[in-house]
């Protein structure tokens, strides 16, 4: 990984931390949330922000815990740090 990619990854993680902490989440909760999101989507398939939030809610997270911005940041981290491939398609 190039130094600039690592710096960008750190910036994304920092941004995600501040964004989610501004909603009242603690560091340990942020780590758990990212882990839970990854566990939900790691098998692939179709998912939407709404379905993701529904599954997280069933796991005990507050309703609509993941907004569009935090989902984009989490996806960026997963793609950069874990070589996770995300193909997004928008259906209207």
C-alpha atoms as a PDB file:
ATOM      1  CA  UNK A   1       0.000   0.000   0.000  1.00  0.00           C
ATOM      2  CA  UNK A   2       1.358   3.407  -0.928  1.00  0.00           C
ATOM      3  CA  UNK A   3       1.864   6.040   1.723  1.00  0.00           C
ATOM      4  CA  UNK A   4      -0.860   8.228   0.201  1.00  0.00           C
ATOM      5  CA  UNK A   5      -3.324   5.308   0.252  1.00  0.00           C
ATOM      6  CA  UNK A   6      -2.507   4.707   3.923  1.00  0.00           C
ATOM      7  CA  UNK A   7      -2.934   8.408   4.688  1.00  0.00           C
ATOM      8  CA  UNK A   8      -6.265   8.438   2.879  1.00  0.00           C
ATOM      9  CA  UNK A   9      -7.366   5.368   4.827  1.00  0.00           C
ATOM     10  CA  UNK A  10      -6.437   7.042   8.107  1.00  0.00           C
ATOM     11  CA  UNK A  11      -8.373  10.151   7.041  1.00  0.00           C
ATOM     12  CA  UNK A  12     -11.438   8.038   6.215  1.00  0.00           C
ATOM     13  CA  UNK A  13     -11.244   6.214   9.554  1.00  0.00           C
ATOM     14  CA  UNK A  14     -10.872   9.511  11.399  1.00  0.00           C
ATOM     15  CA  UNK A  15     -13.803  11.016   9.521  1.00  0.00           C
ATOM     16  CA  UNK A  16     -15.955   7.964  10.270  1.00  0.00           C
ATOM     17  CA  UNK A  17     -14.997   8.097  13.943  1.00  0.00           C
ATOM     18  CA  UNK A  18     -15.911  11.766  14.288  1.00  0.00           C
ATOM     19  CA  UNK A  19     -19.100  11.366  12.273  1.00  0.00           C
ATOM     20  CA  UNK A  20     -20.361   8.422  14.329  1.00  0.00           C
ATOM     21  CA  UNK A  21     -19.146   9.807  17.653  1.00  0.00           C
ATOM     22  CA  UNK A  22     -21.155  12.955  16.932  1.00  0.00           C
ATOM     23  CA  UNK A  23     -24.243  10.714  17.020  1.00  0.00           C
ATOM     24  CA  UNK A  24     -23.314   9.577  20.534  1.00  0.00           C
ATOM     25  CA  UNK A  25     -21.502   6.318  19.758  1.00  0.00           C
ATOM     26  CA  UNK A  26     -18.439   5.389  21.817  1.00  0.00           C
ATOM     27  CA  UNK A  27     -15.194   4.074  20.272  1.00  0.00           C
ATOM     28  CA  UNK A  28     -16.003   0.464  21.163  1.00  0.00           C
ATOM     29  CA  UNK A  29     -19.477   0.835  19.671  1.00  0.00           C
ATOM     30  CA  UNK A  30     -18.048   2.263  16.446  1.00  0.00           C
ATOM     31  CA  UNK A  31     -15.680  -0.701  16.135  1.00  0.00           C
ATOM     32  CA  UNK A  32     -18.556  -3.109  16.809  1.00  0.00           C
ATOM     33  CA  UNK A  33     -20.795  -1.358  14.287  1.00  0.00           C
ATOM     34  CA  UNK A  34     -18.181  -1.565  11.511  1.00  0.00           C
ATOM     35  CA  UNK A  35     -17.623  -5.229  12.365  1.00  0.00           C
ATOM     36  CA  UNK A  36     -21.365  -5.949  12.305  1.00  0.00           C
ATOM     37  CA  UNK A  37     -21.773  -4.167   8.957  1.00  0.00           C
ATOM     38  CA  UNK A  38     -18.939  -6.222   7.500  1.00  0.00           C
ATOM     39  CA  UNK A  39     -20.409  -9.459   8.839  1.00  0.00           C
ATOM     40  CA  UNK A  40     -23.763  -8.615   7.256  1.00  0.00           C
ATOM     41  CA  UNK A  41     -22.396  -7.802   3.809  1.00  0.00           C
ATOM     42  CA  UNK A  42     -19.342 -10.090   3.598  1.00  0.00           C
ATOM     43  CA  UNK A  43     -21.200 -12.895   1.835  1.00  0.00           C
ATOM     44  CA  UNK A  44     -22.149 -10.521  -0.955  1.00  0.00           C
ATOM     45  CA  UNK A  45     -25.522 -10.329  -2.572  1.00  0.00           C
ATOM     46  CA  UNK A  46     -27.916  -7.455  -2.720  1.00  0.00           C
ATOM     47  CA  UNK A  47     -28.336  -5.051   0.148  1.00  0.00           C
ATOM     48  CA  UNK A  48     -29.546  -1.526   0.618  1.00  0.00           C
ATOM     49  CA  UNK A  49     -28.978   0.951   3.380  1.00  0.00           C
ATOM     50  CA  UNK A  50     -32.541   0.230   4.550  1.00  0.00           C
ATOM     51  CA  UNK A  51     -32.044  -3.543   4.662  1.00  0.00           C
ATOM     52  CA  UNK A  52     -28.697  -3.089   6.373  1.00  0.00           C
ATOM     53  CA  UNK A  53     -30.280  -0.860   9.025  1.00  0.00           C
ATOM     54  CA  UNK A  54     -33.138  -3.322   9.492  1.00  0.00           C
ATOM     55  CA  UNK A  55     -30.679  -6.159  10.122  1.00  0.00           C
ATOM     56  CA  UNK A  56     -28.632  -3.976  12.480  1.00  0.00           C
ATOM     57  CA  UNK A  57     -31.811  -3.027  14.339  1.00  0.00           C
ATOM     58  CA  UNK A  58     -32.658  -6.717  14.747  1.00  0.00           C
ATOM     59  CA  UNK A  59     -29.167  -7.147  16.232  1.00  0.00           C
ATOM     60  CA  UNK A  60     -29.940  -4.486  18.859  1.00  0.00           C
ATOM     61  CA  UNK A  61     -28.619  -1.335  17.203  1.00  0.00           C
ATOM     62  CA  UNK A  62     -30.720   1.816  17.255  1.00  0.00           C
ATOM     63  CA  UNK A  63     -33.019   2.385  14.301  1.00  0.00           C
ATOM     64  CA  UNK A  64     -31.313   3.805  11.193  1.00  0.00           C
ATOM     65  CA  UNK A  65     -27.880   3.735  12.828  1.00  0.00           C
ATOM     66  CA  UNK A  66     -26.096   3.835   9.450  1.00  0.00           C
ATOM     67  CA  UNK A  67     -26.735   6.887   7.313  1.00  0.00           C
ATOM     68  CA  UNK A  68     -25.599   7.210   3.692  1.00  0.00           C
ATOM     69  CA  UNK A  69     -22.409   9.072   4.618  1.00  0.00           C
ATOM     70  CA  UNK A  70     -21.270   6.557   7.240  1.00  0.00           C
ATOM     71  CA  UNK A  71     -22.062   3.674   4.866  1.00  0.00           C
ATOM     72  CA  UNK A  72     -19.886   5.250   2.175  1.00  0.00           C
ATOM     73  CA  UNK A  73     -17.053   5.673   4.682  1.00  0.00           C
ATOM     74  CA  UNK A  74     -17.367   2.080   5.926  1.00  0.00           C
ATOM     75  CA  UNK A  75     -17.370   0.774   2.340  1.00  0.00           C
ATOM     76  CA  UNK A  76     -14.269   2.828   1.585  1.00  0.00           C
ATOM     77  CA  UNK A  77     -12.463   1.323   4.585  1.00  0.00           C
ATOM     78  CA  UNK A  78     -13.487  -2.210   3.644  1.00  0.00           C
ATOM     79  CA  UNK A  79     -12.359  -1.706   0.048  1.00  0.00           C
ATOM     80  CA  UNK A  80      -9.041  -0.083   0.976  1.00  0.00           C
ATOM     81  CA  UNK A  81      -8.009  -2.096   4.012  1.00  0.00           C
ATOM     82  CA  UNK A  82      -9.524  -5.488   3.273  1.00  0.00           C
ATOM     83  CA  UNK A  83      -9.678  -5.542  -0.539  1.00  0.00           C
ATOM     84  CA  UNK A  84     -13.432  -5.967  -0.255  1.00  0.00           C
ATOM     85  CA  UNK A  85     -15.128  -5.354  -3.586  1.00  0.00           C
ATOM     86  CA  UNK A  86     -18.363  -3.413  -3.551  1.00  0.00           C
ATOM     87  CA  UNK A  87     -20.462  -3.025  -6.670  1.00  0.00           C
ATOM     88  CA  UNK A  88     -23.154  -0.470  -6.063  1.00  0.00           C
ATOM     89  CA  UNK A  89     -26.184  -0.197  -8.260  1.00  0.00           C
ATOM     90  CA  UNK A  90     -28.912   2.300  -7.693  1.00  0.00           C
ATOM     91  CA  UNK A  91     -32.464   1.303  -8.485  1.00  0.00           C
ATOM     92  CA  UNK A  92     -35.056   4.031  -8.862  1.00  0.00           C
END
